[in-house]
């Protein structure tokens, strides 16, 4: 019984994993990002400027619960809104107290919602969750995290992507991109992407 169990385990260890497909051509270009707009996230800092009313203007943090507080407004949902959407909502609230307020919102210290971040784990020099930027590519992300470690198996990296509620996994050849300059491996990222870099087996 023990011998047969060992044989099963041993044979399983030699089964080759199914090869992952590369990122499809239609998902490699920056045009897939055209509908992206940044949404305010907890941890962001927003500058609120109310035209002609310095006492209502200022820089405020977005709390961990996604709310913010300004003069005359104790709690307002900020997380998940674009700066323009937040500005229009503030105008409606301020209109209760002042006539025809004009509000501009500027975001500083970008953190990004979890769905608008890209994450890199494994054998990167500085694994991190990075706020997504429009036209961001895998090369941009690798520069952000300092590149690969000496133990990385870059050509066996995996890109995990969620689209239409389904998880897809794609093969990414980071060694070819970073160490050999194969720019064809530099694909566009999407908000929510996860890049996994395995360790090489020596």
N, C-alpha and C. Protein backbone atom coordinates (compact mmCIF):
# COMPACT_ATOMS: atom_id res chain seq x y z
N UNK A 1 0.83 -1.21 0.00
CA UNK A 1 0.00 0.00 0.00
C UNK A 1 0.86 1.26 0.00
N UNK A 2 1.89 1.23 0.86
CA UNK A 2 2.80 2.37 0.96
C UNK A 2 3.54 2.57 -0.35
N UNK A 3 3.99 1.46 -0.95
CA UNK A 3 4.75 1.54 -2.20
C UNK A 3 3.89 2.11 -3.32
N UNK A 4 2.64 1.64 -3.40
CA UNK A 4 1.76 2.15 -4.46
C UNK A 4 1.47 3.63 -4.28
N UNK A 5 1.34 4.08 -3.01
CA UNK A 5 1.10 5.51 -2.75
C UNK A 5 2.30 6.33 -3.18
N UNK A 6 3.51 5.81 -2.90
CA UNK A 6 4.71 6.54 -3.29
C UNK A 6 4.83 6.62 -4.80
N UNK A 7 4.42 5.54 -5.48
CA UNK A 7 4.47 5.56 -6.93
C UNK A 7 3.53 6.59 -7.52
N UNK A 8 2.34 6.72 -6.91
CA UNK A 8 1.38 7.72 -7.38
C UNK A 8 1.94 9.12 -7.19
N UNK A 9 2.50 9.38 -6.00
CA UNK A 9 3.07 10.71 -5.72
C UNK A 9 4.21 11.02 -6.66
N UNK A 10 5.09 10.02 -6.87
CA UNK A 10 6.25 10.21 -7.74
C UNK A 10 5.82 10.49 -9.17
N UNK A 11 4.85 9.70 -9.66
CA UNK A 11 4.40 9.88 -11.04
C UNK A 11 3.74 11.22 -11.22
N UNK A 12 3.01 11.67 -10.21
CA UNK A 12 2.34 12.98 -10.30
C UNK A 12 3.35 14.11 -10.39
N UNK A 13 4.49 13.93 -9.71
CA UNK A 13 5.50 14.99 -9.70
C UNK A 13 6.12 15.19 -11.07
N UNK A 14 6.01 14.17 -11.95
CA UNK A 14 6.61 14.29 -13.27
C UNK A 14 5.60 14.69 -14.34
N UNK A 15 4.33 14.85 -13.93
CA UNK A 15 3.32 15.29 -14.89
C UNK A 15 3.56 16.75 -15.24
N UNK A 16 3.68 17.04 -16.48
CA UNK A 16 3.97 18.40 -16.91
C UNK A 16 2.73 19.27 -16.79
N UNK A 17 2.87 20.42 -16.17
CA UNK A 17 1.75 21.33 -16.04
C UNK A 17 1.34 21.87 -17.41
N UNK A 18 0.06 22.11 -17.54
CA UNK A 18 -0.46 22.63 -18.80
C UNK A 18 0.14 24.01 -19.08
N UNK A 19 0.69 24.17 -20.26
CA UNK A 19 1.32 25.45 -20.62
C UNK A 19 0.26 26.54 -20.73
N UNK A 20 0.58 27.72 -20.19
CA UNK A 20 -0.36 28.83 -20.26
C UNK A 20 -0.21 29.55 -21.59
N UNK A 21 -1.30 30.08 -22.12
CA UNK A 21 -1.21 30.82 -23.38
C UNK A 21 -0.62 32.21 -23.14
N UNK A 22 -0.03 32.83 -24.15
CA UNK A 22 0.40 34.22 -24.02
C UNK A 22 -0.81 35.15 -23.99
N UNK A 23 -0.58 36.38 -23.61
CA UNK A 23 -1.67 37.37 -23.62
C UNK A 23 -2.17 37.54 -25.05
N UNK A 24 -3.48 37.44 -25.28
CA UNK A 24 -4.01 37.57 -26.64
C UNK A 24 -3.66 38.93 -27.26
N UNK A 25 -3.44 38.97 -28.57
CA UNK A 25 -3.07 40.24 -29.23
C UNK A 25 -4.04 41.37 -28.95
N UNK A 26 -5.34 41.07 -28.88
CA UNK A 26 -6.32 42.13 -28.67
C UNK A 26 -6.25 42.73 -27.26
N UNK A 27 -5.51 42.08 -26.35
CA UNK A 27 -5.36 42.60 -25.00
C UNK A 27 -3.97 43.18 -24.75
N UNK A 28 -3.15 43.26 -25.78
CA UNK A 28 -1.77 43.72 -25.59
C UNK A 28 -1.62 45.22 -25.81
N UNK A 29 -2.56 45.85 -26.48
CA UNK A 29 -2.40 47.24 -26.87
C UNK A 29 -3.02 48.18 -25.83
N UNK A 30 -2.53 49.41 -25.79
CA UNK A 30 -3.03 50.39 -24.82
C UNK A 30 -4.47 50.79 -25.08
N UNK A 31 -5.02 50.46 -26.25
CA UNK A 31 -6.40 50.83 -26.55
C UNK A 31 -7.38 50.14 -25.61
N UNK A 32 -6.98 49.02 -24.99
CA UNK A 32 -7.88 48.34 -24.07
C UNK A 32 -8.10 49.15 -22.80
N UNK A 33 -7.28 50.19 -22.60
CA UNK A 33 -7.37 51.00 -21.39
C UNK A 33 -8.15 52.30 -21.61
N UNK A 34 -8.69 52.51 -22.79
CA UNK A 34 -9.26 53.81 -23.13
C UNK A 34 -10.41 54.23 -22.22
N UNK A 35 -11.16 53.28 -21.67
CA UNK A 35 -12.30 53.64 -20.82
C UNK A 35 -11.94 53.83 -19.37
N UNK A 36 -10.65 53.93 -19.05
CA UNK A 36 -10.22 54.01 -17.65
C UNK A 36 -10.26 55.44 -17.13
N UNK A 37 -10.87 55.61 -15.94
CA UNK A 37 -10.85 56.88 -15.23
C UNK A 37 -10.51 56.59 -13.77
N UNK A 38 -9.62 57.40 -13.21
CA UNK A 38 -9.20 57.17 -11.84
C UNK A 38 -10.36 57.44 -10.87
N UNK A 39 -10.51 56.53 -9.90
CA UNK A 39 -11.51 56.69 -8.85
C UNK A 39 -10.81 56.90 -7.52
N UNK A 40 -11.30 57.85 -6.77
CA UNK A 40 -10.71 58.19 -5.47
C UNK A 40 -10.79 56.98 -4.53
N UNK A 41 -9.74 56.80 -3.73
CA UNK A 41 -9.65 55.63 -2.84
C UNK A 41 -9.33 56.06 -1.41
N UNK A 42 -9.66 55.22 -0.43
CA UNK A 42 -9.23 55.48 0.95
C UNK A 42 -7.71 55.64 0.99
N UNK A 43 -7.25 56.64 1.73
CA UNK A 43 -5.82 56.93 1.81
C UNK A 43 -5.38 58.04 0.87
N UNK A 44 -6.20 58.35 -0.14
CA UNK A 44 -5.90 59.50 -1.01
C UNK A 44 -6.05 60.79 -0.22
N UNK A 45 -5.38 61.82 -0.70
CA UNK A 45 -5.60 63.17 -0.20
C UNK A 45 -6.19 64.00 -1.33
N UNK A 46 -7.26 64.74 -1.04
CA UNK A 46 -7.90 65.55 -2.07
C UNK A 46 -7.83 67.02 -1.69
N UNK A 47 -7.49 67.84 -2.68
CA UNK A 47 -7.54 69.28 -2.51
C UNK A 47 -8.87 69.78 -3.04
N UNK A 48 -9.64 70.41 -2.17
CA UNK A 48 -10.96 70.93 -2.53
C UNK A 48 -10.87 72.45 -2.62
N UNK A 49 -11.14 72.97 -3.80
CA UNK A 49 -11.09 74.41 -4.03
C UNK A 49 -12.50 74.91 -4.35
N UNK A 50 -13.01 75.80 -3.50
CA UNK A 50 -14.32 76.41 -3.72
C UNK A 50 -14.08 77.85 -4.14
N UNK A 51 -14.48 78.16 -5.38
CA UNK A 51 -14.18 79.47 -5.97
C UNK A 51 -14.70 80.60 -5.10
N UNK A 52 -13.75 81.51 -4.68
CA UNK A 52 -14.12 82.69 -3.91
C UNK A 52 -14.40 82.43 -2.45
N UNK A 53 -14.23 81.20 -1.99
CA UNK A 53 -14.54 80.87 -0.59
C UNK A 53 -13.37 80.07 0.00
N UNK A 54 -12.34 80.80 0.40
CA UNK A 54 -11.15 80.15 0.93
C UNK A 54 -11.44 79.37 2.20
N UNK A 55 -12.44 79.82 2.97
CA UNK A 55 -12.75 79.14 4.23
C UNK A 55 -13.36 77.75 4.01
N UNK A 56 -13.86 77.50 2.81
CA UNK A 56 -14.40 76.18 2.49
C UNK A 56 -13.41 75.31 1.72
N UNK A 57 -12.30 75.90 1.35
CA UNK A 57 -11.29 75.18 0.56
C UNK A 57 -10.25 74.57 1.49
N UNK A 58 -9.56 73.57 0.97
CA UNK A 58 -8.49 72.97 1.75
C UNK A 58 -8.17 71.56 1.29
N UNK A 59 -7.16 70.98 1.94
CA UNK A 59 -6.71 69.63 1.63
C UNK A 59 -7.20 68.69 2.73
N UNK A 60 -7.89 67.62 2.34
CA UNK A 60 -8.44 66.69 3.33
C UNK A 60 -8.12 65.26 2.92
N UNK A 61 -7.92 64.38 3.90
CA UNK A 61 -7.67 62.96 3.58
C UNK A 61 -8.98 62.21 3.41
N UNK A 62 -8.93 61.17 2.61
CA UNK A 62 -10.06 60.25 2.51
C UNK A 62 -9.85 59.15 3.54
N UNK A 63 -10.80 59.01 4.44
CA UNK A 63 -10.65 58.09 5.56
C UNK A 63 -10.68 56.63 5.09
N UNK A 64 -10.25 55.70 5.96
CA UNK A 64 -10.30 54.29 5.60
C UNK A 64 -11.70 53.78 5.23
N UNK A 65 -12.75 54.47 5.74
CA UNK A 65 -14.12 54.07 5.38
C UNK A 65 -14.58 54.69 4.07
N UNK A 66 -13.68 55.44 3.40
CA UNK A 66 -14.01 56.04 2.12
C UNK A 66 -14.70 57.38 2.21
N UNK A 67 -14.89 57.89 3.41
CA UNK A 67 -15.58 59.17 3.61
C UNK A 67 -14.56 60.29 3.80
N UNK A 68 -15.02 61.52 3.61
CA UNK A 68 -14.20 62.69 3.95
C UNK A 68 -15.06 63.71 4.67
N UNK A 69 -14.37 64.63 5.37
CA UNK A 69 -15.04 65.70 6.11
C UNK A 69 -14.44 67.03 5.69
N UNK A 70 -15.30 68.00 5.39
CA UNK A 70 -14.87 69.35 5.05
C UNK A 70 -15.69 70.34 5.87
N UNK A 71 -15.30 71.61 5.89
CA UNK A 71 -16.15 72.60 6.55
C UNK A 71 -17.57 72.56 5.99
N UNK A 72 -18.56 72.50 6.87
CA UNK A 72 -19.99 72.45 6.58
C UNK A 72 -20.49 71.06 6.18
N UNK A 73 -19.58 70.14 5.89
CA UNK A 73 -19.99 68.79 5.50
C UNK A 73 -19.23 67.80 6.38
N UNK A 74 -19.96 67.12 7.27
CA UNK A 74 -19.29 66.22 8.20
C UNK A 74 -18.83 64.93 7.53
N UNK A 75 -19.70 64.31 6.76
CA UNK A 75 -19.37 63.04 6.14
C UNK A 75 -19.90 63.01 4.71
N UNK A 76 -19.00 62.71 3.77
CA UNK A 76 -19.41 62.51 2.38
C UNK A 76 -18.62 61.36 1.79
N UNK A 77 -19.32 60.51 1.07
CA UNK A 77 -18.65 59.40 0.39
C UNK A 77 -17.77 59.95 -0.73
N UNK A 78 -16.48 59.61 -0.67
CA UNK A 78 -15.53 60.04 -1.70
C UNK A 78 -14.99 58.86 -2.49
N UNK A 79 -14.75 57.74 -1.78
CA UNK A 79 -14.17 56.57 -2.43
C UNK A 79 -15.08 56.03 -3.52
N UNK A 80 -14.48 55.70 -4.65
CA UNK A 80 -15.23 55.17 -5.78
C UNK A 80 -15.72 56.21 -6.75
N UNK A 81 -15.52 57.49 -6.44
CA UNK A 81 -15.95 58.56 -7.33
C UNK A 81 -14.74 59.13 -8.09
N UNK A 82 -14.98 59.64 -9.29
CA UNK A 82 -13.94 60.41 -9.97
C UNK A 82 -13.86 61.78 -9.33
N UNK A 83 -12.75 62.51 -9.50
CA UNK A 83 -12.69 63.87 -8.94
C UNK A 83 -13.83 64.76 -9.40
N UNK A 84 -14.23 64.64 -10.66
CA UNK A 84 -15.34 65.47 -11.17
C UNK A 84 -16.65 65.11 -10.49
N UNK A 85 -16.89 63.82 -10.29
CA UNK A 85 -18.11 63.40 -9.61
C UNK A 85 -18.15 63.93 -8.18
N UNK A 86 -17.01 63.85 -7.49
CA UNK A 86 -16.97 64.36 -6.12
C UNK A 86 -17.20 65.87 -6.10
N UNK A 87 -16.62 66.59 -7.06
CA UNK A 87 -16.81 68.05 -7.11
C UNK A 87 -18.28 68.41 -7.28
N UNK A 88 -18.99 67.68 -8.17
CA UNK A 88 -20.41 67.97 -8.38
C UNK A 88 -21.23 67.67 -7.11
N UNK A 89 -20.89 66.59 -6.42
CA UNK A 89 -21.60 66.25 -5.19
C UNK A 89 -21.35 67.29 -4.10
N UNK A 90 -20.13 67.79 -4.03
CA UNK A 90 -19.82 68.84 -3.05
C UNK A 90 -20.58 70.12 -3.37
N UNK A 91 -20.68 70.45 -4.64
CA UNK A 91 -21.45 71.64 -5.03
C UNK A 91 -22.89 71.56 -4.55
N UNK A 92 -23.49 70.39 -4.68
CA UNK A 92 -24.88 70.22 -4.23
C UNK A 92 -25.00 70.42 -2.73
N UNK A 93 -24.02 69.90 -1.97
CA UNK A 93 -24.06 70.05 -0.52
C UNK A 93 -23.79 71.49 -0.09
N UNK A 94 -22.78 72.11 -0.72
CA UNK A 94 -22.47 73.51 -0.37
C UNK A 94 -23.59 74.46 -0.76
N UNK A 95 -24.39 74.10 -1.76
CA UNK A 95 -25.48 74.99 -2.23
C UNK A 95 -26.52 75.22 -1.15
N UNK A 96 -26.55 74.38 -0.13
CA UNK A 96 -27.46 74.59 0.99
C UNK A 96 -27.05 75.82 1.80
N UNK A 97 -25.76 76.18 1.73
CA UNK A 97 -25.23 77.25 2.57
C UNK A 97 -24.77 78.47 1.79
N UNK A 98 -24.31 78.28 0.56
CA UNK A 98 -23.82 79.40 -0.24
C UNK A 98 -24.47 79.35 -1.62
N UNK A 99 -24.47 80.49 -2.30
CA UNK A 99 -25.13 80.58 -3.60
C UNK A 99 -24.19 80.14 -4.72
N UNK A 100 -24.67 79.24 -5.55
CA UNK A 100 -23.98 78.78 -6.76
C UNK A 100 -22.49 78.49 -6.55
N UNK A 101 -22.15 77.56 -5.66
CA UNK A 101 -20.73 77.24 -5.44
C UNK A 101 -20.12 76.56 -6.66
N UNK A 102 -18.85 76.87 -6.91
CA UNK A 102 -18.09 76.22 -7.98
C UNK A 102 -16.92 75.51 -7.33
N UNK A 103 -16.88 74.20 -7.49
CA UNK A 103 -15.90 73.38 -6.78
C UNK A 103 -14.99 72.64 -7.77
N UNK A 104 -13.71 72.61 -7.45
CA UNK A 104 -12.74 71.80 -8.17
C UNK A 104 -12.07 70.86 -7.19
N UNK A 105 -11.89 69.60 -7.58
CA UNK A 105 -11.23 68.61 -6.73
C UNK A 105 -9.98 68.11 -7.44
N UNK A 106 -8.85 68.16 -6.74
CA UNK A 106 -7.57 67.67 -7.25
C UNK A 106 -7.07 66.59 -6.30
N UNK A 107 -6.69 65.43 -6.84
CA UNK A 107 -6.24 64.32 -6.02
C UNK A 107 -4.72 64.33 -5.89
N UNK A 108 -4.23 64.14 -4.67
CA UNK A 108 -2.80 63.99 -4.41
C UNK A 108 -2.57 62.66 -3.68
N UNK A 109 -1.35 62.16 -3.73
CA UNK A 109 -1.02 60.96 -2.98
C UNK A 109 -1.85 59.76 -3.38
N UNK A 110 -1.83 59.43 -4.66
CA UNK A 110 -2.68 58.37 -5.19
C UNK A 110 -2.40 57.03 -4.53
N UNK A 111 -3.46 56.36 -4.09
CA UNK A 111 -3.38 55.00 -3.57
C UNK A 111 -4.07 54.04 -4.51
N UNK A 112 -5.29 54.38 -4.91
CA UNK A 112 -6.03 53.54 -5.85
C UNK A 112 -6.88 52.51 -5.16
N UNK A 113 -8.09 52.31 -5.66
CA UNK A 113 -8.94 51.22 -5.16
C UNK A 113 -8.27 49.88 -5.47
N UNK A 114 -8.55 48.84 -4.68
CA UNK A 114 -7.98 47.52 -4.99
C UNK A 114 -8.25 47.08 -6.42
N UNK A 115 -9.42 47.43 -6.95
CA UNK A 115 -9.74 47.05 -8.33
C UNK A 115 -9.01 47.92 -9.35
N UNK A 116 -8.35 48.99 -8.89
CA UNK A 116 -7.60 49.87 -9.79
C UNK A 116 -6.11 49.86 -9.46
N UNK A 117 -5.68 48.80 -8.83
CA UNK A 117 -4.26 48.59 -8.58
C UNK A 117 -3.77 47.42 -9.45
N UNK A 118 -2.46 47.37 -9.64
CA UNK A 118 -1.84 46.16 -10.20
C UNK A 118 -0.87 45.65 -9.13
N UNK A 119 -0.84 44.35 -8.95
CA UNK A 119 -0.03 43.75 -7.90
C UNK A 119 1.04 42.85 -8.52
N UNK A 120 2.20 42.86 -7.88
CA UNK A 120 3.29 41.99 -8.32
C UNK A 120 3.83 41.28 -7.09
N UNK A 121 3.88 39.94 -7.16
CA UNK A 121 4.33 39.13 -6.04
C UNK A 121 5.36 38.13 -6.52
N UNK A 122 6.08 37.55 -5.55
CA UNK A 122 7.11 36.58 -5.90
C UNK A 122 8.47 37.22 -6.01
N UNK A 123 9.23 36.83 -7.04
CA UNK A 123 10.64 37.20 -7.15
C UNK A 123 10.85 38.55 -7.86
N UNK A 124 10.15 39.58 -7.36
CA UNK A 124 10.46 40.96 -7.72
C UNK A 124 11.29 41.56 -6.59
N UNK A 125 12.13 42.52 -6.90
CA UNK A 125 12.96 43.11 -5.84
C UNK A 125 12.11 43.77 -4.77
N UNK A 126 11.00 44.39 -5.17
CA UNK A 126 10.12 45.06 -4.21
C UNK A 126 8.66 44.72 -4.54
N UNK A 127 8.19 43.53 -4.17
CA UNK A 127 6.79 43.19 -4.43
C UNK A 127 5.87 44.26 -3.86
N UNK A 128 4.83 44.61 -4.60
CA UNK A 128 4.02 45.75 -4.18
C UNK A 128 2.67 45.74 -4.88
N UNK A 129 1.75 46.52 -4.33
CA UNK A 129 0.50 46.88 -5.00
C UNK A 129 0.68 48.31 -5.50
N UNK A 130 0.57 48.52 -6.79
CA UNK A 130 0.88 49.81 -7.42
C UNK A 130 -0.38 50.40 -8.04
N UNK A 131 -0.66 51.68 -7.79
CA UNK A 131 -1.82 52.30 -8.45
C UNK A 131 -1.68 52.21 -9.97
N UNK A 132 -2.74 51.75 -10.62
CA UNK A 132 -2.72 51.65 -12.08
C UNK A 132 -2.66 53.03 -12.71
N UNK A 133 -1.88 53.15 -13.77
CA UNK A 133 -1.82 54.38 -14.56
C UNK A 133 -2.22 54.06 -16.00
N UNK A 134 -2.92 54.98 -16.62
CA UNK A 134 -3.34 54.75 -18.00
C UNK A 134 -2.12 54.54 -18.88
N UNK A 135 -2.20 53.59 -19.79
CA UNK A 135 -1.14 53.19 -20.70
C UNK A 135 0.03 52.50 -19.98
N UNK A 136 -0.25 51.96 -18.81
CA UNK A 136 0.78 51.25 -18.04
C UNK A 136 1.06 49.89 -18.68
N UNK A 137 2.33 49.52 -18.74
CA UNK A 137 2.74 48.23 -19.30
C UNK A 137 3.49 47.42 -18.25
N UNK A 138 3.77 46.17 -18.59
CA UNK A 138 4.54 45.32 -17.68
C UNK A 138 5.92 45.90 -17.43
N UNK A 139 6.54 46.50 -18.44
CA UNK A 139 7.86 47.10 -18.25
C UNK A 139 7.78 48.25 -17.25
N UNK A 140 6.75 49.08 -17.33
CA UNK A 140 6.56 50.16 -16.35
C UNK A 140 6.48 49.58 -14.93
N UNK A 141 5.71 48.50 -14.79
CA UNK A 141 5.57 47.87 -13.47
C UNK A 141 6.89 47.33 -12.96
N UNK A 142 7.67 46.71 -13.83
CA UNK A 142 8.95 46.15 -13.40
C UNK A 142 9.92 47.25 -12.99
N UNK A 143 9.89 48.38 -13.67
CA UNK A 143 10.73 49.52 -13.26
C UNK A 143 10.29 50.00 -11.88
N UNK A 144 8.98 50.03 -11.66
CA UNK A 144 8.42 50.49 -10.38
C UNK A 144 8.91 49.64 -9.21
N UNK A 145 9.05 48.33 -9.42
CA UNK A 145 9.42 47.44 -8.32
C UNK A 145 10.89 47.06 -8.34
N UNK A 146 11.67 47.65 -9.23
CA UNK A 146 13.12 47.46 -9.21
C UNK A 146 13.63 46.26 -9.98
N UNK A 147 12.76 45.59 -10.73
CA UNK A 147 13.22 44.47 -11.55
C UNK A 147 13.10 43.13 -10.86
N UNK A 148 13.81 42.12 -11.41
CA UNK A 148 13.76 40.76 -10.92
C UNK A 148 14.88 40.49 -9.91
N UNK A 149 14.64 39.54 -9.01
CA UNK A 149 15.71 39.08 -8.14
C UNK A 149 16.60 38.11 -8.93
N UNK A 150 17.75 37.78 -8.36
CA UNK A 150 18.66 36.86 -9.04
C UNK A 150 18.11 35.43 -9.07
N UNK A 151 17.10 35.16 -8.25
CA UNK A 151 16.52 33.81 -8.19
C UNK A 151 15.24 33.69 -9.02
N UNK A 152 14.89 34.72 -9.74
CA UNK A 152 13.62 34.72 -10.47
C UNK A 152 13.67 33.84 -11.70
N UNK A 153 12.57 33.15 -11.94
CA UNK A 153 12.38 32.43 -13.20
C UNK A 153 11.43 33.27 -14.05
N UNK A 154 11.98 34.32 -14.62
CA UNK A 154 11.16 35.33 -15.27
C UNK A 154 10.31 34.83 -16.42
N UNK A 155 10.83 33.89 -17.18
CA UNK A 155 10.08 33.39 -18.34
C UNK A 155 8.93 32.47 -17.97
N UNK A 156 8.80 32.16 -16.68
CA UNK A 156 7.68 31.36 -16.22
C UNK A 156 6.68 32.19 -15.42
N UNK A 157 6.75 33.50 -15.59
CA UNK A 157 5.85 34.39 -14.87
C UNK A 157 4.42 34.22 -15.38
N UNK A 158 3.48 34.54 -14.51
CA UNK A 158 2.06 34.37 -14.82
C UNK A 158 1.33 35.68 -14.59
N UNK A 159 0.53 36.09 -15.56
CA UNK A 159 -0.33 37.25 -15.43
C UNK A 159 -1.75 36.77 -15.16
N UNK A 160 -2.30 37.14 -14.00
CA UNK A 160 -3.67 36.78 -13.64
C UNK A 160 -4.56 37.99 -13.93
N UNK A 161 -5.58 37.78 -14.72
CA UNK A 161 -6.44 38.89 -15.16
C UNK A 161 -7.91 38.48 -15.01
N UNK A 162 -8.70 39.40 -14.47
CA UNK A 162 -10.14 39.17 -14.33
C UNK A 162 -10.88 39.99 -15.38
N UNK A 163 -11.65 39.31 -16.19
CA UNK A 163 -12.45 39.98 -17.22
C UNK A 163 -13.81 39.32 -17.30
N UNK A 164 -14.84 40.18 -17.30
CA UNK A 164 -16.22 39.69 -17.37
C UNK A 164 -16.52 38.67 -16.28
N UNK A 165 -15.95 38.93 -15.09
CA UNK A 165 -16.21 38.06 -13.95
C UNK A 165 -15.46 36.74 -13.97
N UNK A 166 -14.57 36.53 -14.92
CA UNK A 166 -13.82 35.29 -15.02
C UNK A 166 -12.33 35.55 -14.89
N UNK A 167 -11.65 34.60 -14.23
CA UNK A 167 -10.20 34.69 -14.08
C UNK A 167 -9.50 34.00 -15.24
N UNK A 168 -8.55 34.71 -15.82
CA UNK A 168 -7.73 34.15 -16.90
C UNK A 168 -6.26 34.21 -16.47
N UNK A 169 -5.48 33.24 -16.90
CA UNK A 169 -4.05 33.22 -16.62
C UNK A 169 -3.28 33.15 -17.93
N UNK A 170 -2.22 33.99 -18.01
CA UNK A 170 -1.43 34.06 -19.24
C UNK A 170 0.05 33.95 -18.90
N UNK A 171 0.79 33.40 -19.84
CA UNK A 171 2.24 33.29 -19.70
C UNK A 171 2.90 34.63 -20.07
N UNK A 172 3.88 35.04 -19.27
CA UNK A 172 4.64 36.26 -19.53
C UNK A 172 6.13 35.93 -19.44
N UNK A 173 6.87 36.30 -20.45
CA UNK A 173 8.30 35.97 -20.51
C UNK A 173 9.12 37.21 -20.11
N UNK A 174 9.27 37.36 -18.79
CA UNK A 174 9.94 38.56 -18.27
C UNK A 174 11.44 38.55 -18.54
N UNK A 175 12.07 37.37 -18.52
CA UNK A 175 13.50 37.31 -18.83
C UNK A 175 13.76 37.82 -20.24
N UNK A 176 12.93 37.40 -21.19
CA UNK A 176 13.11 37.84 -22.57
C UNK A 176 12.93 39.35 -22.68
N UNK A 177 11.99 39.89 -21.90
CA UNK A 177 11.73 41.32 -21.95
C UNK A 177 12.85 42.13 -21.30
N UNK A 178 13.21 41.76 -20.08
CA UNK A 178 14.13 42.59 -19.29
C UNK A 178 15.59 42.31 -19.61
N UNK A 179 15.94 41.05 -19.75
CA UNK A 179 17.34 40.69 -19.90
C UNK A 179 17.78 40.58 -21.36
N UNK A 180 16.80 40.42 -22.26
CA UNK A 180 17.14 40.24 -23.68
C UNK A 180 16.50 41.30 -24.58
N UNK A 181 15.74 42.21 -23.99
CA UNK A 181 15.20 43.33 -24.76
C UNK A 181 14.13 42.96 -25.77
N UNK A 182 13.42 41.85 -25.55
CA UNK A 182 12.36 41.45 -26.48
C UNK A 182 11.11 42.28 -26.17
N UNK A 183 10.95 43.38 -26.87
CA UNK A 183 9.88 44.33 -26.57
C UNK A 183 8.50 43.75 -26.89
N UNK A 184 8.44 42.66 -27.65
CA UNK A 184 7.16 42.01 -27.94
C UNK A 184 6.52 41.43 -26.68
N UNK A 185 7.33 41.24 -25.65
CA UNK A 185 6.81 40.70 -24.39
C UNK A 185 6.25 41.80 -23.49
N UNK A 186 6.37 43.04 -23.90
CA UNK A 186 5.90 44.17 -23.09
C UNK A 186 4.42 44.44 -23.40
N UNK A 187 3.52 43.84 -22.63
CA UNK A 187 2.09 43.98 -22.90
C UNK A 187 1.48 45.01 -21.96
N UNK A 188 0.35 45.56 -22.39
CA UNK A 188 -0.37 46.53 -21.57
C UNK A 188 -1.01 45.84 -20.37
N UNK A 189 -1.04 46.55 -19.26
CA UNK A 189 -1.70 46.06 -18.06
C UNK A 189 -3.11 46.63 -17.99
N UNK A 190 -3.94 45.98 -17.18
CA UNK A 190 -5.29 46.45 -16.90
C UNK A 190 -5.47 46.57 -15.40
N UNK A 191 -6.34 47.47 -14.94
CA UNK A 191 -6.60 47.56 -13.49
C UNK A 191 -7.00 46.20 -12.92
N UNK A 192 -6.41 45.85 -11.78
CA UNK A 192 -6.72 44.58 -11.14
C UNK A 192 -5.81 43.43 -11.52
N UNK A 193 -4.90 43.63 -12.48
CA UNK A 193 -3.98 42.57 -12.89
C UNK A 193 -3.05 42.17 -11.74
N UNK A 194 -2.69 40.89 -11.71
CA UNK A 194 -1.72 40.36 -10.75
C UNK A 194 -0.61 39.65 -11.52
N UNK A 195 0.63 40.05 -11.26
CA UNK A 195 1.79 39.43 -11.91
C UNK A 195 2.53 38.58 -10.88
N UNK A 196 2.66 37.28 -11.18
CA UNK A 196 3.30 36.34 -10.26
C UNK A 196 4.61 35.86 -10.87
N UNK A 197 5.72 36.08 -10.15
CA UNK A 197 7.05 35.70 -10.63
C UNK A 197 7.56 34.55 -9.77
N UNK A 198 7.70 33.34 -10.32
CA UNK A 198 8.15 32.21 -9.52
C UNK A 198 9.66 32.20 -9.31
N UNK A 199 10.08 31.40 -8.35
CA UNK A 199 11.51 31.22 -8.09
C UNK A 199 12.04 30.11 -9.00
N UNK A 200 13.25 30.29 -9.48
CA UNK A 200 13.85 29.28 -10.33
C UNK A 200 14.29 28.08 -9.50
N UNK A 201 14.17 26.89 -10.09
CA UNK A 201 14.65 25.66 -9.45
C UNK A 201 16.02 25.31 -10.04
N UNK A 202 17.01 25.25 -9.17
CA UNK A 202 18.37 24.99 -9.64
C UNK A 202 18.72 23.51 -9.48
